[in-house]
Amino acid sequence: MPEKTLFWQQSDSHLIESWEFQFQRVGSDEWEDVIRVDPVDDCLDCFQAVVELPEAAIFVRSRAVGPDGTSAWSKHLPVYL
């Protein structure tokens, strides 16, 4: 599967235990999980996610997971294949 790398800086990152990523295939209403999130070396509160997507994926979304539960899902990010 092709890999896409997403980078972001998160304020209050100490409140976040992990991240969840999902993708949606062309023609489907179902979301499928993908995950691999790592801190970025030498950057406080920076993260990167290497998201492996099948060639049929069209949208990606994410949310943070913390000790008090999960955040709302992000807006759908289109992936241009």
PDB file of N, CA and C in Angstrom:
ATOM      1  N   MET A   1       0.830  -1.176   0.000  1.00  0.00           N
ATOM      2  CA  MET A   1       0.000   0.000   0.000  1.00  0.00           C
ATOM      3  C   MET A   1       0.877   1.242   0.000  1.00  0.00           C
ATOM      4  N   PRO A   2       0.488   2.274  -0.726  1.00  0.00           N
ATOM      5  CA  PRO A   2       1.255   3.526  -0.722  1.00  0.00           C
ATOM      6  C   PRO A   2       1.231   4.177   0.656  1.00  0.00           C
ATOM      7  N   GLU A   3       2.329   4.835   1.007  1.00  0.00           N
ATOM      8  CA  GLU A   3       2.430   5.512   2.287  1.00  0.00           C
ATOM      9  C   GLU A   3       2.359   7.022   2.110  1.00  0.00           C
ATOM     10  N   LYS A   4       1.653   7.692   2.996  1.00  0.00           N
ATOM     11  CA  LYS A   4       1.605   9.148   3.067  1.00  0.00           C
ATOM     12  C   LYS A   4       2.082   9.520   4.456  1.00  0.00           C
ATOM     13  N   THR A   5       2.920  10.556   4.590  1.00  0.00           N
ATOM     14  CA  THR A   5       3.388  11.002   5.894  1.00  0.00           C
ATOM     15  C   THR A   5       2.757  12.342   6.214  1.00  0.00           C
ATOM     16  N   LEU A   6       2.083  12.419   7.359  1.00  0.00           N
ATOM     17  CA  LEU A   6       1.435  13.634   7.827  1.00  0.00           C
ATOM     18  C   LEU A   6       2.224  14.167   9.011  1.00  0.00           C
ATOM     19  N   PHE A   7       2.490  15.468   9.057  1.00  0.00           N
ATOM     20  CA  PHE A   7       3.213  16.101  10.154  1.00  0.00           C
ATOM     21  C   PHE A   7       2.320  17.147  10.800  1.00  0.00           C
ATOM     22  N   TRP A   8       2.389  17.296  12.129  1.00  0.00           N
ATOM     23  CA  TRP A   8       1.655  18.356  12.807  1.00  0.00           C
ATOM     24  C   TRP A   8       2.273  18.641  14.163  1.00  0.00           C
ATOM     25  N   GLN A   9       1.969  19.823  14.690  1.00  0.00           N
ATOM     26  CA  GLN A   9       2.391  20.215  16.028  1.00  0.00           C
ATOM     27  C   GLN A   9       1.140  20.310  16.885  1.00  0.00           C
ATOM     28  N   GLN A  10       1.180  19.708  18.068  1.00  0.00           N
ATOM     29  CA  GLN A  10       0.012  19.620  18.926  1.00  0.00           C
ATOM     30  C   GLN A  10       0.291  20.304  20.259  1.00  0.00           C
ATOM     31  N   SER A  11      -0.437  21.370  20.561  1.00  0.00           N
ATOM     32  CA  SER A  11      -0.283  21.993  21.875  1.00  0.00           C
ATOM     33  C   SER A  11      -0.847  21.055  22.942  1.00  0.00           C
ATOM     34  N   ASP A  12      -0.308  21.142  24.137  1.00  0.00           N
ATOM     35  CA  ASP A  12      -0.730  20.286  25.255  1.00  0.00           C
ATOM     36  C   ASP A  12      -0.631  18.798  24.918  1.00  0.00           C
ATOM     37  N   SER A  13       0.434  18.418  24.239  1.00  0.00           N
ATOM     38  CA  SER A  13       0.577  17.028  23.801  1.00  0.00           C
ATOM     39  C   SER A  13       0.651  16.052  24.977  1.00  0.00           C
ATOM     40  N   HIS A  14       0.993  16.536  26.155  1.00  0.00           N
ATOM     41  CA  HIS A  14       1.041  15.650  27.317  1.00  0.00           C
ATOM     42  C   HIS A  14      -0.352  15.120  27.693  1.00  0.00           C
ATOM     43  N   LEU A  15      -1.404  15.725  27.167  1.00  0.00           N
ATOM     44  CA  LEU A  15      -2.765  15.267  27.427  1.00  0.00           C
ATOM     45  C   LEU A  15      -3.223  14.186  26.453  1.00  0.00           C
ATOM     46  N   ILE A  16      -2.378  13.875  25.473  1.00  0.00           N
ATOM     47  CA  ILE A  16      -2.741  12.923  24.420  1.00  0.00           C
ATOM     48  C   ILE A  16      -1.910  11.656  24.570  1.00  0.00           C
ATOM     49  N   GLU A  17      -2.575  10.519  24.604  1.00  0.00           N
ATOM     50  CA  GLU A  17      -1.886   9.237  24.732  1.00  0.00           C
ATOM     51  C   GLU A  17      -1.574   8.627  23.371  1.00  0.00           C
ATOM     52  N   SER A  18      -2.446   8.829  22.397  1.00  0.00           N
ATOM     53  CA  SER A  18      -2.234   8.277  21.060  1.00  0.00           C
ATOM     54  C   SER A  18      -3.171   8.955  20.068  1.00  0.00           C
ATOM     55  N   TRP A  19      -3.081   8.529  18.815  1.00  0.00           N
ATOM     56  CA  TRP A  19      -3.908   9.059  17.727  1.00  0.00           C
ATOM     57  C   TRP A  19      -4.525   7.893  16.976  1.00  0.00           C
ATOM     58  N   GLU A  20      -5.680   8.108  16.402  1.00  0.00           N
ATOM     59  CA  GLU A  20      -6.319   7.129  15.531  1.00  0.00           C
ATOM     60  C   GLU A  20      -6.490   7.747  14.148  1.00  0.00           C
ATOM     61  N   PHE A  21      -6.199   6.978  13.124  1.00  0.00           N
ATOM     62  CA  PHE A  21      -6.416   7.401  11.738  1.00  0.00           C
ATOM     63  C   PHE A  21      -7.298   6.378  11.052  1.00  0.00           C
ATOM     64  N   GLN A  22      -8.165   6.858  10.185  1.00  0.00           N
ATOM     65  CA  GLN A  22      -9.027   5.982   9.403  1.00  0.00           C
ATOM     66  C   GLN A  22      -9.041   6.449   7.954  1.00  0.00           C
ATOM     67  N   PHE A  23      -9.354   5.511   7.042  1.00  0.00           N
ATOM     68  CA  PHE A  23      -9.520   5.868   5.640  1.00  0.00           C
ATOM     69  C   PHE A  23     -10.847   5.317   5.147  1.00  0.00           C
ATOM     70  N   GLN A  24     -11.309   5.906   4.060  1.00  0.00           N
ATOM     71  CA  GLN A  24     -12.559   5.470   3.437  1.00  0.00           C
ATOM     72  C   GLN A  24     -12.282   5.154   1.979  1.00  0.00           C
ATOM     73  N   ARG A  25     -12.677   3.976   1.548  1.00  0.00           N
ATOM     74  CA  ARG A  25     -12.466   3.555   0.159  1.00  0.00           C
ATOM     75  C   ARG A  25     -13.492   4.204  -0.776  1.00  0.00           C
ATOM     76  N   VAL A  26     -13.119   4.295  -2.038  1.00  0.00           N
ATOM     77  CA  VAL A  26     -14.025   4.816  -3.061  1.00  0.00           C
ATOM     78  C   VAL A  26     -15.305   3.980  -3.069  1.00  0.00           C
ATOM     79  N   GLY A  27     -16.452   4.648  -3.036  1.00  0.00           N
ATOM     80  CA  GLY A  27     -17.731   3.957  -3.126  1.00  0.00           C
ATOM     81  C   GLY A  27     -18.218   3.320  -1.834  1.00  0.00           C
ATOM     82  N   SER A  28     -17.525   3.551  -0.720  1.00  0.00           N
ATOM     83  CA  SER A  28     -17.927   2.948   0.552  1.00  0.00           C
ATOM     84  C   SER A  28     -18.317   4.031   1.552  1.00  0.00           C
ATOM     85  N   ASP A  29     -19.195   3.691   2.473  1.00  0.00           N
ATOM     86  CA  ASP A  29     -19.538   4.586   3.568  1.00  0.00           C
ATOM     87  C   ASP A  29     -18.831   4.172   4.854  1.00  0.00           C
ATOM     88  N   GLU A  30     -18.065   3.090   4.807  1.00  0.00           N
ATOM     89  CA  GLU A  30     -17.387   2.548   5.981  1.00  0.00           C
ATOM     90  C   GLU A  30     -15.981   3.152   6.145  1.00  0.00           C
ATOM     91  N   TRP A  31     -15.585   3.386   7.399  1.00  0.00           N
ATOM     92  CA  TRP A  31     -14.235   3.850   7.714  1.00  0.00           C
ATOM     93  C   TRP A  31     -13.414   2.669   8.213  1.00  0.00           C
ATOM     94  N   GLU A  32     -12.156   2.571   7.765  1.00  0.00           N
ATOM     95  CA  GLU A  32     -11.246   1.498   8.173  1.00  0.00           C
ATOM     96  C   GLU A  32     -10.047   2.102   8.882  1.00  0.00           C
ATOM     97  N   ASP A  33      -9.540   1.412   9.904  1.00  0.00           N
ATOM     98  CA  ASP A  33      -8.439   1.932  10.710  1.00  0.00           C
ATOM     99  C   ASP A  33      -7.079   1.778  10.035  1.00  0.00           C
ATOM    100  N   VAL A  34      -6.240   2.807  10.205  1.00  0.00           N
ATOM    101  CA  VAL A  34      -4.812   2.749   9.872  1.00  0.00           C
ATOM    102  C   VAL A  34      -4.087   3.495  10.986  1.00  0.00           C
ATOM    103  N   ILE A  35      -2.897   3.029  11.345  1.00  0.00           N
ATOM    104  CA  ILE A  35      -2.219   3.709  12.451  1.00  0.00           C
ATOM    105  C   ILE A  35      -0.713   3.461  12.437  1.00  0.00           C
ATOM    106  N   ARG A  36       0.033   4.484  12.642  1.00  0.00           N
ATOM    107  CA  ARG A  36       1.432   4.469  13.041  1.00  0.00           C
ATOM    108  C   ARG A  36       1.807   5.918  13.276  1.00  0.00           C
ATOM    109  N   VAL A  37       1.830   6.327  14.520  1.00  0.00           N
ATOM    110  CA  VAL A  37       2.101   7.710  14.881  1.00  0.00           C
ATOM    111  C   VAL A  37       3.325   7.754  15.776  1.00  0.00           C
ATOM    112  N   ASP A  38       4.265   8.656  15.476  1.00  0.00           N
ATOM    113  CA  ASP A  38       5.507   8.755  16.227  1.00  0.00           C
ATOM    114  C   ASP A  38       5.815  10.211  16.532  1.00  0.00           C
ATOM    115  N   PRO A  39       6.489  10.472  17.683  1.00  0.00           N
ATOM    116  CA  PRO A  39       6.987  11.830  17.916  1.00  0.00           C
ATOM    117  C   PRO A  39       8.072  12.170  16.889  1.00  0.00           C
ATOM    118  N   VAL A  40       8.270  13.455  16.638  1.00  0.00           N
ATOM    119  CA  VAL A  40       9.317  13.905  15.721  1.00  0.00           C
ATOM    120  C   VAL A  40      10.540  14.280  16.546  1.00  0.00           C
ATOM    121  N   ASP A  41      11.700  13.761  16.183  1.00  0.00           N
ATOM    122  CA  ASP A  41      12.937  14.048  16.914  1.00  0.00           C
ATOM    123  C   ASP A  41      13.203  15.550  16.988  1.00  0.00           C
ATOM    124  N   ASP A  42      13.671  16.002  18.145  1.00  0.00           N
ATOM    125  CA  ASP A  42      14.091  17.393  18.359  1.00  0.00           C
ATOM    126  C   ASP A  42      12.983  18.416  18.130  1.00  0.00           C
ATOM    127  N   CYS A  43      11.733  18.039  18.316  1.00  0.00           N
ATOM    128  CA  CYS A  43      10.632  18.984  18.158  1.00  0.00           C
ATOM    129  C   CYS A  43       9.596  18.696  19.241  1.00  0.00           C
ATOM    130  N   LEU A  44       9.507  19.597  20.201  1.00  0.00           N
ATOM    131  CA  LEU A  44       8.538  19.446  21.286  1.00  0.00           C
ATOM    132  C   LEU A  44       7.126  19.539  20.731  1.00  0.00           C
ATOM    133  N   ASP A  45       6.284  18.639  21.125  1.00  0.00           N
ATOM    134  CA  ASP A  45       4.872  18.625  20.722  1.00  0.00           C
ATOM    135  C   ASP A  45       4.665  18.390  19.225  1.00  0.00           C
ATOM    136  N   CYS A  46       5.650  17.811  18.530  1.00  0.00           N
ATOM    137  CA  CYS A  46       5.499  17.519  17.097  1.00  0.00           C
ATOM    138  C   CYS A  46       5.299  16.021  16.896  1.00  0.00           C
ATOM    139  N   PHE A  47       4.455  15.687  15.956  1.00  0.00           N
ATOM    140  CA  PHE A  47       4.156  14.294  15.657  1.00  0.00           C
ATOM    141  C   PHE A  47       4.179  14.071  14.146  1.00  0.00           C
ATOM    142  N   GLN A  48       4.355  12.822  13.775  1.00  0.00           N
ATOM    143  CA  GLN A  48       4.215  12.438  12.380  1.00  0.00           C
ATOM    144  C   GLN A  48       3.488  11.103  12.335  1.00  0.00           C
ATOM    145  N   ALA A  49       2.675  10.941  11.346  1.00  0.00           N
ATOM    146  CA  ALA A  49       1.966   9.687  11.143  1.00  0.00           C
ATOM    147  C   ALA A  49       2.278   9.212   9.740  1.00  0.00           C
ATOM    148  N   VAL A  50       2.740   7.969   9.647  1.00  0.00           N
ATOM    149  CA  VAL A  50       2.913   7.346   8.342  1.00  0.00           C
ATOM    150  C   VAL A  50       1.650   6.518   8.121  1.00  0.00           C
ATOM    151  N   VAL A  51       0.832   6.956   7.201  1.00  0.00           N
ATOM    152  CA  VAL A  51      -0.462   6.340   6.962  1.00  0.00           C
ATOM    153  C   VAL A  51      -0.365   5.515   5.690  1.00  0.00           C
ATOM    154  N   GLU A  52      -0.561   4.215   5.814  1.00  0.00           N
ATOM    155  CA  GLU A  52      -0.534   3.335   4.653  1.00  0.00           C
ATOM    156  C   GLU A  52      -1.955   3.223   4.121  1.00  0.00           C
ATOM    157  N   LEU A  53      -2.142   3.631   2.886  1.00  0.00           N
ATOM    158  CA  LEU A  53      -3.474   3.674   2.292  1.00  0.00           C
ATOM    159  C   LEU A  53      -3.554   2.784   1.072  1.00  0.00           C
ATOM    160  N   PRO A  54      -4.650   2.072   0.918  1.00  0.00           N
ATOM    161  CA  PRO A  54      -4.844   1.329  -0.323  1.00  0.00           C
ATOM    162  C   PRO A  54      -5.088   2.321  -1.459  1.00  0.00           C
ATOM    163  N   GLU A  55      -4.885   1.899  -2.661  1.00  0.00           N
ATOM    164  CA  GLU A  55      -5.027   2.807  -3.792  1.00  0.00           C
ATOM    165  C   GLU A  55      -6.443   3.313  -3.960  1.00  0.00           C
ATOM    166  N   ALA A  56      -7.423   2.667  -3.331  1.00  0.00           N
ATOM    167  CA  ALA A  56      -8.806   3.086  -3.467  1.00  0.00           C
ATOM    168  C   ALA A  56      -9.241   4.072  -2.384  1.00  0.00           C
ATOM    169  N   ALA A  57      -8.354   4.473  -1.475  1.00  0.00           N
ATOM    170  CA  ALA A  57      -8.740   5.397  -0.402  1.00  0.00           C
ATOM    171  C   ALA A  57      -8.968   6.793  -0.976  1.00  0.00           C
ATOM    172  N   ILE A  58      -9.998   7.473  -0.462  1.00  0.00           N
ATOM    173  CA  ILE A  58     -10.220   8.836  -0.928  1.00  0.00           C
ATOM    174  C   ILE A  58     -10.230   9.854   0.205  1.00  0.00           C
ATOM    175  N   PHE A  59     -10.568   9.442   1.424  1.00  0.00           N
ATOM    176  CA  PHE A  59     -10.573  10.360   2.552  1.00  0.00           C
ATOM    177  C   PHE A  59      -9.800   9.765   3.723  1.00  0.00           C
ATOM    178  N   VAL A  60      -9.169  10.636   4.510  1.00  0.00           N
ATOM    179  CA  VAL A  60      -8.493  10.227   5.737  1.00  0.00           C
ATOM    180  C   VAL A  60      -8.981  11.151   6.846  1.00  0.00           C
ATOM    181  N   ARG A  61      -9.195  10.624   8.047  1.00  0.00           N
ATOM    182  CA  ARG A  61      -9.560  11.445   9.195  1.00  0.00           C
ATOM    183  C   ARG A  61      -8.786  10.947  10.419  1.00  0.00           C
ATOM    184  N   SER A  62      -8.699  11.788  11.460  1.00  0.00           N
ATOM    185  CA  SER A  62      -7.963  11.401  12.660  1.00  0.00           C
ATOM    186  C   SER A  62      -8.642  11.967  13.903  1.00  0.00           C
ATOM    187  N   ARG A  63      -8.255  11.421  15.061  1.00  0.00           N
ATOM    188  CA  ARG A  63      -8.693  11.959  16.340  1.00  0.00           C
ATOM    189  C   ARG A  63      -7.673  11.585  17.403  1.00  0.00           C
ATOM    190  N   ALA A  64      -7.621  12.403  18.452  1.00  0.00           N
ATOM    191  CA  ALA A  64      -6.699  12.176  19.559  1.00  0.00           C
ATOM    192  C   ALA A  64      -7.370  11.303  20.607  1.00  0.00           C
ATOM    193  N   VAL A  65      -6.551  10.481  21.269  1.00  0.00           N
ATOM    194  CA  VAL A  65      -7.014   9.635  22.352  1.00  0.00           C
ATOM    195  C   VAL A  65      -6.254  10.037  23.607  1.00  0.00           C
ATOM    196  N   GLY A  66      -6.974  10.393  24.670  1.00  0.00           N
ATOM    197  CA  GLY A  66      -6.355  10.798  25.926  1.00  0.00           C
ATOM    198  C   GLY A  66      -6.972  10.065  27.096  1.00  0.00           C
ATOM    199  N   PRO A  67      -6.526  10.368  28.297  1.00  0.00           N
ATOM    200  CA  PRO A  67      -7.036   9.668  29.479  1.00  0.00           C
ATOM    201  C   PRO A  67      -8.531   9.893  29.719  1.00  0.00           C
ATOM    202  N   ASP A  68      -9.079  10.973  29.184  1.00  0.00           N
ATOM    203  CA  ASP A  68     -10.500  11.266  29.369  1.00  0.00           C
ATOM    204  C   ASP A  68     -11.359  10.844  28.185  1.00  0.00           C
ATOM    205  N   GLY A  69     -10.793  10.112  27.235  1.00  0.00           N
ATOM    206  CA  GLY A  69     -11.555   9.655  26.074  1.00  0.00           C
ATOM    207  C   GLY A  69     -10.961  10.159  24.778  1.00  0.00           C
ATOM    208  N   THR A  70     -11.778  10.231  23.732  1.00  0.00           N
ATOM    209  CA  THR A  70     -11.299  10.629  22.408  1.00  0.00           C
ATOM    210  C   THR A  70     -11.872  11.991  22.016  1.00  0.00           C
ATOM    211  N   SER A  71     -11.141  12.665  21.142  1.00  0.00           N
ATOM    212  CA  SER A  71     -11.628  13.930  20.592  1.00  0.00           C
ATOM    213  C   SER A  71     -12.610  13.631  19.466  1.00  0.00           C
ATOM    214  N   ALA A  72     -13.192  14.660  18.913  1.00  0.00           N
ATOM    215  CA  ALA A  72     -14.037  14.506  17.732  1.00  0.00           C
ATOM    216  C   ALA A  72     -13.144  14.164  16.538  1.00  0.00           C
ATOM    217  N   TRP A  73     -13.694  13.511  15.539  1.00  0.00           N
ATOM    218  CA  TRP A  73     -12.933  13.224  14.328  1.00  0.00           C
ATOM    219  C   TRP A  73     -12.615  14.532  13.606  1.00  0.00           C
ATOM    220  N   SER A  74     -11.455  14.588  12.988  1.00  0.00           N
ATOM    221  CA  SER A  74     -11.075  15.750  12.184  1.00  0.00           C
ATOM    222  C   SER A  74     -11.949  15.809  10.939  1.00  0.00           C
ATOM    223  N   LYS A  75     -11.831  16.922  10.215  1.00  0.00           N
ATOM    224  CA  LYS A  75     -12.471  16.991   8.906  1.00  0.00           C
ATOM    225  C   LYS A  75     -11.835  15.952   8.011  1.00  0.00           C
ATOM    226  N   HIS A  76     -12.547  15.506   6.999  1.00  0.00           N
ATOM    227  CA  HIS A  76     -12.031  14.513   6.059  1.00  0.00           C
ATOM    228  C   HIS A  76     -10.967  15.146   5.187  1.00  0.00           C
ATOM    229  N   LEU A  77      -9.785  14.563   5.149  1.00  0.00           N
ATOM    230  CA  LEU A  77      -8.717  15.058   4.293  1.00  0.00           C
ATOM    231  C   LEU A  77      -8.719  14.251   3.007  1.00  0.00           C
ATOM    232  N   PRO A  78      -8.873  14.883   1.855  1.00  0.00           N
ATOM    233  CA  PRO A  78      -8.844  14.112   0.614  1.00  0.00           C
ATOM    234  C   PRO A  78      -7.431  13.648   0.296  1.00  0.00           C
ATOM    235  N   VAL A  79      -7.307  12.453  -0.213  1.00  0.00           N
ATOM    236  CA  VAL A  79      -6.021  11.927  -0.654  1.00  0.00           C
ATOM    237  C   VAL A  79      -6.099  11.782  -2.166  1.00  0.00           C
ATOM    238  N   TYR A  80      -5.203  12.476  -2.848  1.00  0.00           N
ATOM    239  CA  TYR A  80      -5.188  12.440  -4.304  1.00  0.00           C
ATOM    240  C   TYR A  80      -4.233  11.360  -4.745  1.00  0.00           C
ATOM    241  N   LEU A  81      -4.738  10.345  -5.429  1.00  0.00           N
ATOM    242  CA  LEU A  81      -3.940   9.182  -5.831  1.00  0.00           C
ATOM    243  C   LEU A  81      -3.534   9.284  -7.273  1.00  0.00           C
TER     244      LEU A  81
END
